[in-house]
Amino acid sequence: TNGMFIIEAEEMHQGGYIRWGQPYRLKHLTTNSYVAVGLTPTWEINESDANLSKSLTLVESREQSGLFYFDMVFQTLSSKNLDNELVHVQKDSYFRLRYLHQGRDQQQKEYWLTTVEVSNDAVQGKADSEFQTENELIFVPTFIARKREGDIFKIAKANQSEMMVTCFLINSQRTLRRSLKFLDSNFFEKEDDQPFSQKYKSFQSVVNKVESCLNEMNEFCQNKLHSHLSTEIGYGEINLSFQNVLREQFFLEILVDLLTSCFKKCSELYEIQKIERLEQKDLEDEVQSKQNMNYLFKRQLSYSPPMDRNKKH
């Protein structure tokens, strides 16, 4: 899900098919940020390209984002629908991605997308030795000022189901993240101009949203959420691909933050566990009592007094 982008026209309200050689912006679906071309990368690359390369970054402002051009690779076009493929980018088209950089001298310079193999330490800083191997190599997208024959990429269009699942996860993540400040144990103790009644109303609303969100996430993980059922596995089974998505969207970290915000000590969790057990016992006793009452009522209905033989008819 972190590799999904929305292709927007230079004028965002302009729709239609994607056309070869026209400027477009790339919007990151997960973060709602735009792709921009930054400064020279800090990692080492080929010496001939070191001073002619630029790294990619994400920016919130649409005006600061870059304009990119999809250039066709003529050799990869099919002859069945050639007229349309010469004009529009298809869902599985091969392309080269070009970026025009305007320098201080107002001259435009072309840069082309490529991938550079660098160490993970160089990109993300110090690696976590517990999860990453030392000197692990990864591929990083970079723009260079030299067009190379091998720098060809392929569009992979997401289907409607993938889009719906991704949007559901993004909305759930935002709901949980926004709730953290309300669920903090010091929320009501903070001094501000907001009256207590308004604070409590906001708190209740957030708690209801979090409860609903967690219930939906639980059903989603067990393939029980009717709006996002997977046909690859049976109803009620754990979907491993969903688990990978939850991990890459940092849902486990968010849930840990929720727990630590609500409960500062483990003893508080134990107290809640005791209360839940008592409530469960009371519920079971209530159900048992109703069953006993129903049994007695049925016995009374089925009971017929013995007939008096001496009674005259």
C-alpha atoms as a PDB file:
ATOM      1  CA  THR A   1       0.000   0.000   0.000  1.00  0.00           C
ATOM      2  CA  ASN A   2       2.927   2.394   0.516  1.00  0.00           C
ATOM      3  CA  GLY A   3       3.795   2.090  -3.173  1.00  0.00           C
ATOM      4  CA  MET A   4       0.490   3.372  -4.556  1.00  0.00           C
ATOM      5  CA  PHE A   5       0.319   6.754  -6.290  1.00  0.00           C
ATOM      6  CA  ILE A   6      -2.416   8.817  -7.917  1.00  0.00           C
ATOM      7  CA  ILE A   7      -1.524  10.384 -11.257  1.00  0.00           C
ATOM      8  CA  GLU A   8      -2.899  13.937 -11.386  1.00  0.00           C
ATOM      9  CA  ALA A   9      -2.951  16.281 -14.348  1.00  0.00           C
ATOM     10  CA  GLU A  10      -1.146  19.613 -14.096  1.00  0.00           C
ATOM     11  CA  GLU A  11      -4.581  21.160 -13.624  1.00  0.00           C
ATOM     12  CA  MET A  12      -5.997  18.902 -10.904  1.00  0.00           C
ATOM     13  CA  HIS A  13      -9.611  19.250 -12.088  1.00  0.00           C
ATOM     14  CA  GLN A  14      -8.737  18.057 -15.570  1.00  0.00           C
ATOM     15  CA  GLY A  15      -9.739  14.428 -16.086  1.00  0.00           C
ATOM     16  CA  GLY A  16      -9.396  12.014 -18.964  1.00  0.00           C
ATOM     17  CA  TYR A  17      -6.855   9.400 -19.946  1.00  0.00           C
ATOM     18  CA  ILE A  18      -3.135   9.748 -19.303  1.00  0.00           C
ATOM     19  CA  ARG A  19      -1.387  10.967 -22.443  1.00  0.00           C
ATOM     20  CA  TRP A  20       2.215  10.419 -23.450  1.00  0.00           C
ATOM     21  CA  GLY A  21       4.514  13.437 -23.099  1.00  0.00           C
ATOM     22  CA  GLN A  22       2.121  15.493 -20.940  1.00  0.00           C
ATOM     23  CA  PRO A  23       3.033  16.864 -17.457  1.00  0.00           C
ATOM     24  CA  TYR A  24       1.545  15.076 -14.433  1.00  0.00           C
ATOM     25  CA  ARG A  25       1.940  15.165 -10.682  1.00  0.00           C
ATOM     26  CA  LEU A  26       2.331  12.030  -8.535  1.00  0.00           C
ATOM     27  CA  LYS A  27       0.342  11.949  -5.297  1.00  0.00           C
ATOM     28  CA  HIS A  28       1.232   9.371  -2.649  1.00  0.00           C
ATOM     29  CA  LEU A  29      -2.002   7.667  -1.644  1.00  0.00           C
ATOM     30  CA  THR A  30      -1.001   6.698   1.902  1.00  0.00           C
ATOM     31  CA  THR A  31       0.424  10.038   3.077  1.00  0.00           C
ATOM     32  CA  ASN A  32      -1.587  12.315   0.771  1.00  0.00           C
ATOM     33  CA  SER A  33       1.712  14.018  -0.152  1.00  0.00           C
ATOM     34  CA  TYR A  34       3.153  14.861  -3.554  1.00  0.00           C
ATOM     35  CA  VAL A  35       6.379  13.644  -5.118  1.00  0.00           C
ATOM     36  CA  ALA A  36       9.025  16.310  -5.616  1.00  0.00           C
ATOM     37  CA  VAL A  37      12.605  16.251  -6.829  1.00  0.00           C
ATOM     38  CA  GLY A  38      15.030  17.241  -4.110  1.00  0.00           C
ATOM     39  CA  LEU A  39      18.714  17.962  -3.857  1.00  0.00           C
ATOM     40  CA  THR A  40      21.692  15.816  -4.745  1.00  0.00           C
ATOM     41  CA  PRO A  41      21.485  12.448  -2.920  1.00  0.00           C
ATOM     42  CA  THR A  42      23.688  11.956   0.124  1.00  0.00           C
ATOM     43  CA  TRP A  43      24.524   8.375  -0.858  1.00  0.00           C
ATOM     44  CA  GLU A  44      27.290   7.481  -3.268  1.00  0.00           C
ATOM     45  CA  ILE A  45      26.439   6.583  -6.871  1.00  0.00           C
ATOM     46  CA  ASN A  46      28.341   6.270 -10.126  1.00  0.00           C
ATOM     47  CA  GLU A  47      31.035   8.957 -10.265  1.00  0.00           C
ATOM     48  CA  SER A  48      29.933  10.115 -13.716  1.00  0.00           C
ATOM     49  CA  ASP A  49      26.399  10.738 -12.405  1.00  0.00           C
ATOM     50  CA  ALA A  50      27.276  12.022  -8.934  1.00  0.00           C
ATOM     51  CA  ASN A  51      26.948  15.720  -9.809  1.00  0.00           C
ATOM     52  CA  LEU A  52      24.028  15.166 -12.206  1.00  0.00           C
ATOM     53  CA  SER A  53      21.557  13.337  -9.962  1.00  0.00           C
ATOM     54  CA  LYS A  54      18.616  14.339  -7.803  1.00  0.00           C
ATOM     55  CA  SER A  55      16.738  12.456  -5.096  1.00  0.00           C
ATOM     56  CA  LEU A  56      12.977  12.099  -4.608  1.00  0.00           C
ATOM     57  CA  THR A  57      11.084  13.474  -1.654  1.00  0.00           C
ATOM     58  CA  LEU A  58       7.486  13.978  -0.505  1.00  0.00           C
ATOM     59  CA  VAL A  59       6.001  17.447   0.069  1.00  0.00           C
ATOM     60  CA  GLU A  60       2.588  18.487   1.354  1.00  0.00           C
ATOM     61  CA  SER A  61       2.187  21.476  -0.938  1.00  0.00           C
ATOM     62  CA  ARG A  62       0.962  20.775  -4.466  1.00  0.00           C
ATOM     63  CA  GLU A  63       2.739  23.880  -5.765  1.00  0.00           C
ATOM     64  CA  GLN A  64       6.105  22.555  -4.555  1.00  0.00           C
ATOM     65  CA  SER A  65       5.663  19.174  -6.233  1.00  0.00           C
ATOM     66  CA  GLY A  66       7.355  18.196  -9.476  1.00  0.00           C
ATOM     67  CA  LEU A  67       5.867  17.740 -12.927  1.00  0.00           C
ATOM     68  CA  PHE A  68       6.714  14.433 -14.557  1.00  0.00           C
ATOM     69  CA  TYR A  69       6.345  13.179 -18.121  1.00  0.00           C
ATOM     70  CA  PHE A  70       5.579   9.620 -19.198  1.00  0.00           C
ATOM     71  CA  ASP A  71       7.603   8.852 -22.328  1.00  0.00           C
ATOM     72  CA  MET A  72       6.656   5.810 -24.365  1.00  0.00           C
ATOM     73  CA  VAL A  73       8.948   2.921 -25.225  1.00  0.00           C
ATOM     74  CA  PHE A  74       7.901   2.279 -28.821  1.00  0.00           C
ATOM     75  CA  GLN A  75       9.345  -1.234 -28.964  1.00  0.00           C
ATOM     76  CA  THR A  76       6.964  -2.405 -26.212  1.00  0.00           C
ATOM     77  CA  LEU A  77       3.740  -1.291 -27.944  1.00  0.00           C
ATOM     78  CA  SER A  78       1.458  -3.976 -29.313  1.00  0.00           C
ATOM     79  CA  SER A  79       0.140  -3.907 -32.872  1.00  0.00           C
ATOM     80  CA  LYS A  80      -3.463  -4.786 -31.918  1.00  0.00           C
ATOM     81  CA  ASN A  81      -4.460  -1.318 -30.689  1.00  0.00           C
ATOM     82  CA  LEU A  82      -1.540   0.724 -31.898  1.00  0.00           C
ATOM     83  CA  ASP A  83      -3.457   3.937 -32.676  1.00  0.00           C
ATOM     84  CA  ASN A  84      -4.713   4.239 -29.098  1.00  0.00           C
ATOM     85  CA  GLU A  85      -1.418   3.146 -27.511  1.00  0.00           C
ATOM     86  CA  LEU A  86       0.444   5.847 -29.418  1.00  0.00           C
ATOM     87  CA  VAL A  87      -1.666   8.488 -27.667  1.00  0.00           C
ATOM     88  CA  HIS A  88      -2.672   7.149 -24.246  1.00  0.00           C
ATOM     89  CA  VAL A  89      -0.810   5.355 -21.456  1.00  0.00           C
ATOM     90  CA  GLN A  90      -2.354   1.917 -20.842  1.00  0.00           C
ATOM     91  CA  LYS A  91      -2.762   0.125 -17.507  1.00  0.00           C
ATOM     92  CA  ASP A  92       0.248  -2.123 -18.236  1.00  0.00           C
ATOM     93  CA  SER A  93       2.353   0.210 -20.415  1.00  0.00           C
ATOM     94  CA  TYR A  94       6.136   0.384 -20.265  1.00  0.00           C
ATOM     95  CA  PHE A  95       7.530   3.889 -19.922  1.00  0.00           C
ATOM     96  CA  ARG A  96      10.430   6.157 -19.043  1.00  0.00           C
ATOM     97  CA  LEU A  97       9.766   8.895 -16.489  1.00  0.00           C
ATOM     98  CA  ARG A  98      11.213  12.301 -17.311  1.00  0.00           C
ATOM     99  CA  TYR A  99      11.542  15.432 -15.181  1.00  0.00           C
ATOM    100  CA  LEU A 100      12.317  18.947 -16.409  1.00  0.00           C
ATOM    101  CA  HIS A 101      14.421  21.020 -14.030  1.00  0.00           C
ATOM    102  CA  GLN A 102      14.571  24.758 -14.505  1.00  0.00           C
ATOM    103  CA  GLY A 103      17.845  26.247 -13.310  1.00  0.00           C
ATOM    104  CA  ARG A 104      18.689  29.733 -12.182  1.00  0.00           C
ATOM    105  CA  ASP A 105      19.576  30.657 -15.749  1.00  0.00           C
ATOM    106  CA  GLN A 106      15.958  29.799 -16.743  1.00  0.00           C
ATOM    107  CA  GLN A 107      17.218  26.901 -18.862  1.00  0.00           C
ATOM    108  CA  GLN A 108      15.469  23.556 -18.580  1.00  0.00           C
ATOM    109  CA  LYS A 109      17.401  20.360 -18.084  1.00  0.00           C
ATOM    110  CA  GLU A 110      16.070  16.830 -18.485  1.00  0.00           C
ATOM    111  CA  TYR A 111      16.416  14.205 -15.780  1.00  0.00           C
ATOM    112  CA  TRP A 112      15.405  10.529 -16.086  1.00  0.00           C
ATOM    113  CA  LEU A 113      14.214   8.125 -13.415  1.00  0.00           C
ATOM    114  CA  THR A 114      16.509   5.240 -12.526  1.00  0.00           C
ATOM    115  CA  THR A 115      17.161   2.971  -9.558  1.00  0.00           C
ATOM    116  CA  VAL A 116      20.398   3.031  -7.605  1.00  0.00           C
ATOM    117  CA  GLU A 117      21.564   0.162  -5.411  1.00  0.00           C
ATOM    118  CA  VAL A 118      22.819   1.604  -2.123  1.00  0.00           C
ATOM    119  CA  SER A 119      23.235   0.393   1.440  1.00  0.00           C
ATOM    120  CA  ASN A 120      20.280   0.766   3.770  1.00  0.00           C
ATOM    121  CA  ASP A 121      22.476   2.621   6.262  1.00  0.00           C
ATOM    122  CA  ALA A 122      23.192   5.347   3.715  1.00  0.00           C
ATOM    123  CA  VAL A 123      19.494   6.056   3.158  1.00  0.00           C
ATOM    124  CA  GLN A 124      17.956   5.631   6.607  1.00  0.00           C
ATOM    125  CA  GLY A 125      20.942   6.284   8.833  1.00  0.00           C
ATOM    126  CA  LYS A 126      21.947   3.799  11.494  1.00  0.00           C
ATOM    127  CA  ALA A 127      20.286   0.444  10.912  1.00  0.00           C
ATOM    128  CA  ASP A 128      18.478  -1.497  13.590  1.00  0.00           C
ATOM    129  CA  SER A 129      20.707  -4.529  14.025  1.00  0.00           C
ATOM    130  CA  GLU A 130      17.850  -6.557  15.484  1.00  0.00           C
ATOM    131  CA  PHE A 131      15.824  -6.473  12.268  1.00  0.00           C
ATOM    132  CA  GLN A 132      18.269  -5.540   9.498  1.00  0.00           C
ATOM    133  CA  THR A 133      21.425  -7.177   8.296  1.00  0.00           C
ATOM    134  CA  GLU A 134      24.576  -5.144   8.142  1.00  0.00           C
ATOM    135  CA  ASN A 135      25.262  -3.419   4.800  1.00  0.00           C
ATOM    136  CA  GLU A 136      21.897  -4.542   3.396  1.00  0.00           C
ATOM    137  CA  LEU A 137      21.462  -3.250  -0.173  1.00  0.00           C
ATOM    138  CA  ILE A 138      18.227  -1.693  -1.383  1.00  0.00           C
ATOM    139  CA  PHE A 139      17.095  -0.045  -4.617  1.00  0.00           C
ATOM    140  CA  VAL A 140      16.370   3.681  -4.352  1.00  0.00           C
ATOM    141  CA  PRO A 141      14.635   5.719  -7.108  1.00  0.00           C
ATOM    142  CA  THR A 142      16.812   8.599  -8.299  1.00  0.00           C
ATOM    143  CA  PHE A 143      16.764  11.026 -11.209  1.00  0.00           C
ATOM    144  CA  ILE A 144      19.905  11.355 -13.302  1.00  0.00           C
ATOM    145  CA  ALA A 145      20.714  13.666 -16.217  1.00  0.00           C
ATOM    146  CA  ARG A 146      21.554  10.773 -18.516  1.00  0.00           C
ATOM    147  CA  LYS A 147      19.023   8.717 -20.460  1.00  0.00           C
ATOM    148  CA  ARG A 148      19.858   5.020 -20.232  1.00  0.00           C
ATOM    149  CA  GLU A 149      18.321   2.203 -22.231  1.00  0.00           C
ATOM    150  CA  GLY A 150      17.679  -0.004 -19.212  1.00  0.00           C
ATOM    151  CA  ASP A 151      15.713   2.559 -17.180  1.00  0.00           C
ATOM    152  CA  ILE A 152      12.269   1.303 -18.220  1.00  0.00           C
ATOM    153  CA  PHE A 153       9.352   0.919 -15.810  1.00  0.00           C
ATOM    154  CA  LYS A 154       5.874  -0.580 -16.029  1.00  0.00           C
ATOM    155  CA  ILE A 155       2.591   0.813 -14.759  1.00  0.00           C
ATOM    156  CA  ALA A 156       0.652  -1.510 -12.455  1.00  0.00           C
ATOM    157  CA  LYS A 157      -2.909  -0.233 -12.136  1.00  0.00           C
ATOM    158  CA  ALA A 158      -4.577  -0.983  -8.801  1.00  0.00           C
ATOM    159  CA  ASN A 159      -8.007  -2.597  -8.968  1.00  0.00           C
ATOM    160  CA  GLN A 160     -11.077  -1.325  -7.148  1.00  0.00           C
ATOM    161  CA  SER A 161     -10.750  -3.841  -4.316  1.00  0.00           C
ATOM    162  CA  GLU A 162      -7.158  -2.790  -3.564  1.00  0.00           C
ATOM    163  CA  MET A 163      -8.182   0.866  -3.572  1.00  0.00           C
ATOM    164  CA  MET A 164     -11.088   0.240  -1.185  1.00  0.00           C
ATOM    165  CA  VAL A 165      -8.926  -1.741   1.246  1.00  0.00           C
ATOM    166  CA  THR A 166      -6.183   0.891   1.171  1.00  0.00           C
ATOM    167  CA  CYS A 167      -8.624   3.763   1.763  1.00  0.00           C
ATOM    168  CA  PHE A 168     -10.240   1.823   4.628  1.00  0.00           C
ATOM    169  CA  LEU A 169      -6.851   1.285   6.294  1.00  0.00           C
ATOM    170  CA  ILE A 170      -5.818   4.916   5.819  1.00  0.00           C
ATOM    171  CA  ASN A 171      -9.054   6.195   7.363  1.00  0.00           C
ATOM    172  CA  SER A 172      -8.737   3.731  10.256  1.00  0.00           C
ATOM    173  CA  GLN A 173      -5.166   4.790  10.868  1.00  0.00           C
ATOM    174  CA  ARG A 174      -6.134   8.474  10.966  1.00  0.00           C
ATOM    175  CA  THR A 175      -8.991   7.776  13.378  1.00  0.00           C
ATOM    176  CA  LEU A 176      -6.688   5.925  15.788  1.00  0.00           C
ATOM    177  CA  ARG A 177      -3.872   8.469  15.563  1.00  0.00           C
ATOM    178  CA  ARG A 178      -6.192  11.434  16.175  1.00  0.00           C
ATOM    179  CA  SER A 179      -7.633   9.744  19.242  1.00  0.00           C
ATOM    180  CA  LEU A 180      -4.319   9.522  21.094  1.00  0.00           C
ATOM    181  CA  LYS A 181      -4.456  13.007  22.611  1.00  0.00           C
ATOM    182  CA  PHE A 182      -8.049  12.457  23.826  1.00  0.00           C
ATOM    183  CA  LEU A 183      -7.300   9.081  25.402  1.00  0.00           C
ATOM    184  CA  ASP A 184      -4.300  10.326  27.320  1.00  0.00           C
ATOM    185  CA  SER A 185      -4.851  10.032  31.081  1.00  0.00           C
ATOM    186  CA  ASN A 186      -3.899  13.719  31.501  1.00  0.00           C
ATOM    187  CA  PHE A 187      -6.441  14.961  28.955  1.00  0.00           C
ATOM    188  CA  PHE A 188      -8.896  16.264  31.593  1.00  0.00           C
ATOM    189  CA  GLU A 189      -6.143  17.665  33.788  1.00  0.00           C
ATOM    190  CA  LYS A 190      -4.753  20.031  31.162  1.00  0.00           C
ATOM    191  CA  GLU A 191      -5.589  23.640  31.852  1.00  0.00           C
ATOM    192  CA  ASP A 192      -7.309  25.434  28.999  1.00  0.00           C
ATOM    193  CA  ASP A 193     -10.398  27.513  28.293  1.00  0.00           C
ATOM    194  CA  GLN A 194     -12.503  24.539  27.233  1.00  0.00           C
ATOM    195  CA  PRO A 195     -15.218  23.669  29.788  1.00  0.00           C
ATOM    196  CA  PHE A 196     -15.276  20.202  31.302  1.00  0.00           C
ATOM    197  CA  SER A 197     -18.664  19.319  29.786  1.00  0.00           C
ATOM    198  CA  GLN A 198     -17.367  20.016  26.281  1.00  0.00           C
ATOM    199  CA  LYS A 199     -14.215  18.015  26.967  1.00  0.00           C
ATOM    200  CA  TYR A 200     -16.236  15.066  28.183  1.00  0.00           C
ATOM    201  CA  LYS A 201     -18.494  15.231  25.138  1.00  0.00           C
ATOM    202  CA  SER A 202     -15.446  15.172  22.832  1.00  0.00           C
ATOM    203  CA  PHE A 203     -13.964  12.324  24.847  1.00  0.00           C
ATOM    204  CA  GLN A 204     -17.146  10.244  24.559  1.00  0.00           C
ATOM    205  CA  SER A 205     -17.334  10.833  20.815  1.00  0.00           C
ATOM    206  CA  VAL A 206     -13.704   9.757  20.314  1.00  0.00           C
ATOM    207  CA  VAL A 207     -14.144   6.633  22.463  1.00  0.00           C
ATOM    208  CA  ASN A 208     -17.153   5.572  20.387  1.00  0.00           C
ATOM    209  CA  LYS A 209     -15.216   6.102  17.155  1.00  0.00           C
ATOM    210  CA  VAL A 210     -12.199   4.146  18.411  1.00  0.00           C
ATOM    211  CA  GLU A 211     -14.397   1.271  19.596  1.00  0.00           C
ATOM    212  CA  SER A 212     -16.160   1.107  16.232  1.00  0.00           C
ATOM    213  CA  CYS A 213     -12.838   1.348  14.373  1.00  0.00           C
ATOM    214  CA  LEU A 214     -11.209  -1.451  16.410  1.00  0.00           C
ATOM    215  CA  ASN A 215     -14.244  -3.706  15.912  1.00  0.00           C
ATOM    216  CA  GLU A 216     -14.081  -3.155  12.150  1.00  0.00           C
ATOM    217  CA  MET A 217     -10.319  -3.814  12.155  1.00  0.00           C
ATOM    218  CA  ASN A 218     -10.876  -7.061  14.053  1.00  0.00           C
ATOM    219  CA  GLU A 219     -13.486  -8.193  11.527  1.00  0.00           C
ATOM    220  CA  PHE A 220     -11.216  -7.088   8.683  1.00  0.00           C
ATOM    221  CA  CYS A 221      -8.312  -9.222   9.956  1.00  0.00           C
ATOM    222  CA  GLN A 222     -10.601 -12.253  10.303  1.00  0.00           C
ATOM    223  CA  ASN A 223     -12.147 -11.726   6.857  1.00  0.00           C
ATOM    224  CA  LYS A 224     -15.563 -10.998   8.366  1.00  0.00           C
ATOM    225  CA  LEU A 225     -15.980  -7.366   7.319  1.00  0.00           C
ATOM    226  CA  HIS A 226     -18.675  -7.604   4.649  1.00  0.00           C
ATOM    227  CA  SER A 227     -17.515  -4.522   2.738  1.00  0.00           C
ATOM    228  CA  HIS A 228     -13.974  -5.913   2.342  1.00  0.00           C
ATOM    229  CA  LEU A 229     -14.293  -9.694   2.118  1.00  0.00           C
ATOM    230  CA  SER A 230     -11.502 -11.600   0.407  1.00  0.00           C
ATOM    231  CA  THR A 231     -12.445 -14.434  -1.920  1.00  0.00           C
ATOM    232  CA  GLU A 232      -8.987 -15.986  -1.650  1.00  0.00           C
ATOM    233  CA  ILE A 233      -9.688 -17.480   1.790  1.00  0.00           C
ATOM    234  CA  GLY A 234     -12.745 -18.658   3.691  1.00  0.00           C
ATOM    235  CA  TYR A 235     -15.004 -16.494   5.800  1.00  0.00           C
ATOM    236  CA  GLY A 236     -13.592 -16.048   9.303  1.00  0.00           C
ATOM    237  CA  GLU A 237     -10.039 -17.146   8.383  1.00  0.00           C
ATOM    238  CA  ILE A 238      -6.949 -15.051   9.053  1.00  0.00           C
ATOM    239  CA  ASN A 239      -5.607 -13.412   5.892  1.00  0.00           C
ATOM    240  CA  LEU A 240      -1.794 -13.276   6.027  1.00  0.00           C
ATOM    241  CA  SER A 241      -1.608 -10.608   3.323  1.00  0.00           C
ATOM    242  CA  PHE A 242      -3.744  -8.363   5.530  1.00  0.00           C
ATOM    243  CA  GLN A 243      -1.263  -8.896   8.365  1.00  0.00           C
ATOM    244  CA  ASN A 244       1.565  -7.654   6.138  1.00  0.00           C
ATOM    245  CA  VAL A 245      -0.461  -4.562   5.268  1.00  0.00           C
ATOM    246  CA  LEU A 246      -1.108  -3.833   8.942  1.00  0.00           C
ATOM    247  CA  ARG A 247       2.591  -4.139   9.649  1.00  0.00           C
ATOM    248  CA  GLU A 248       3.672  -1.789   6.866  1.00  0.00           C
ATOM    249  CA  GLN A 249       1.056   0.767   7.943  1.00  0.00           C
ATOM    250  CA  PHE A 250       2.392   0.627  11.552  1.00  0.00           C
ATOM    251  CA  PHE A 251      -0.920  -0.455  13.072  1.00  0.00           C
ATOM    252  CA  LEU A 252       0.822  -2.485  15.779  1.00  0.00           C
ATOM    253  CA  GLU A 253       2.750   0.602  16.876  1.00  0.00           C
ATOM    254  CA  ILE A 254      -0.465   2.651  16.926  1.00  0.00           C
ATOM    255  CA  LEU A 255      -2.235   0.053  19.088  1.00  0.00           C
ATOM    256  CA  VAL A 256       0.686   0.025  21.519  1.00  0.00           C
ATOM    257  CA  ASP A 257       0.505   3.829  21.712  1.00  0.00           C
ATOM    258  CA  LEU A 258      -3.219   3.569  22.432  1.00  0.00           C
ATOM    259  CA  LEU A 259      -2.632   1.144  25.297  1.00  0.00           C
ATOM    260  CA  THR A 260       0.198   3.174  26.818  1.00  0.00           C
ATOM    261  CA  SER A 261      -1.855   6.374  26.539  1.00  0.00           C
ATOM    262  CA  CYS A 262      -4.898   4.875  28.261  1.00  0.00           C
ATOM    263  CA  PHE A 263      -3.097   2.774  30.851  1.00  0.00           C
ATOM    264  CA  LYS A 264       0.099   4.076  32.385  1.00  0.00           C
ATOM    265  CA  LYS A 265       0.532   1.038  34.652  1.00  0.00           C
ATOM    266  CA  CYS A 266      -0.026  -2.677  34.187  1.00  0.00           C
ATOM    267  CA  SER A 267      -2.007  -2.737  37.420  1.00  0.00           C
ATOM    268  CA  GLU A 268      -4.717  -0.678  35.705  1.00  0.00           C
ATOM    269  CA  LEU A 269      -5.111  -3.405  33.091  1.00  0.00           C
ATOM    270  CA  TYR A 270      -5.390  -6.043  35.812  1.00  0.00           C
ATOM    271  CA  GLU A 271      -8.130  -4.016  37.523  1.00  0.00           C
ATOM    272  CA  ILE A 272     -10.055  -3.768  34.250  1.00  0.00           C
ATOM    273  CA  GLN A 273      -9.623  -7.501  33.718  1.00  0.00           C
ATOM    274  CA  LYS A 274     -11.158  -8.137  37.165  1.00  0.00           C
ATOM    275  CA  ILE A 275     -14.085  -5.856  36.362  1.00  0.00           C
ATOM    276  CA  GLU A 276     -14.650  -7.633  33.044  1.00  0.00           C
ATOM    277  CA  ARG A 277     -14.647 -11.019  34.798  1.00  0.00           C
ATOM    278  CA  LEU A 278     -17.185  -9.794  37.363  1.00  0.00           C
ATOM    279  CA  GLU A 279     -19.384  -8.365  34.614  1.00  0.00           C
ATOM    280  CA  GLN A 280     -19.146 -11.632  32.710  1.00  0.00           C
ATOM    281  CA  LYS A 281     -20.087 -13.585  35.843  1.00  0.00           C
ATOM    282  CA  ASP A 282     -23.051 -11.289  36.500  1.00  0.00           C
ATOM    283  CA  LEU A 283     -24.172 -11.750  32.915  1.00  0.00           C
ATOM    284  CA  GLU A 284     -23.912 -15.553  33.185  1.00  0.00           C
ATOM    285  CA  ASP A 285     -25.841 -15.495  36.475  1.00  0.00           C
ATOM    286  CA  GLU A 286     -28.548 -13.365  34.869  1.00  0.00           C
ATOM    287  CA  VAL A 287     -28.851 -15.749  31.932  1.00  0.00           C
ATOM    288  CA  GLN A 288     -29.003 -18.738  34.287  1.00  0.00           C
ATOM    289  CA  SER A 289     -31.671 -17.025  36.378  1.00  0.00           C
ATOM    290  CA  LYS A 290     -33.798 -16.368  33.281  1.00  0.00           C
ATOM    291  CA  GLN A 291     -33.414 -19.987  32.206  1.00  0.00           C
ATOM    292  CA  ASN A 292     -34.556 -21.163  35.663  1.00  0.00           C
ATOM    293  CA  MET A 293     -37.563 -18.846  35.564  1.00  0.00           C
ATOM    294  CA  ASN A 294     -38.520 -20.108  32.116  1.00  0.00           C
ATOM    295  CA  TYR A 295     -38.218 -23.698  33.338  1.00  0.00           C
ATOM    296  CA  LEU A 296     -40.502 -23.034  36.324  1.00  0.00           C
ATOM    297  CA  PHE A 297     -42.997 -21.200  34.142  1.00  0.00           C
ATOM    298  CA  LYS A 298     -43.167 -24.094  31.692  1.00  0.00           C
ATOM    299  CA  ARG A 299     -43.657 -26.559  34.561  1.00  0.00           C
ATOM    300  CA  GLN A 300     -46.556 -24.521  35.876  1.00  0.00           C
ATOM    301  CA  LEU A 301     -48.162 -24.398  32.448  1.00  0.00           C
ATOM    302  CA  SER A 302     -47.788 -28.139  31.962  1.00  0.00           C
ATOM    303  CA  TYR A 303     -49.035 -28.969  35.464  1.00  0.00           C
ATOM    304  CA  SER A 304     -52.626 -30.263  35.620  1.00  0.00           C
ATOM    305  CA  PRO A 305     -54.235 -30.871  39.064  1.00  0.00           C
ATOM    306  CA  PRO A 306     -55.577 -34.403  39.779  1.00  0.00           C
ATOM    307  CA  MET A 307     -59.235 -34.900  39.172  1.00  0.00           C
ATOM    308  CA  ASP A 308     -61.561 -35.296  42.201  1.00  0.00           C
ATOM    309  CA  ARG A 309     -63.387 -38.592  41.697  1.00  0.00           C
ATOM    310  CA  ASN A 310     -66.075 -37.715  44.264  1.00  0.00           C
ATOM    311  CA  LYS A 311     -66.957 -34.529  42.445  1.00  0.00           C
ATOM    312  CA  LYS A 312     -70.337 -34.786  40.777  1.00  0.00           C
ATOM    313  CA  HIS A 313     -70.710 -33.700  37.200  1.00  0.00           C
END
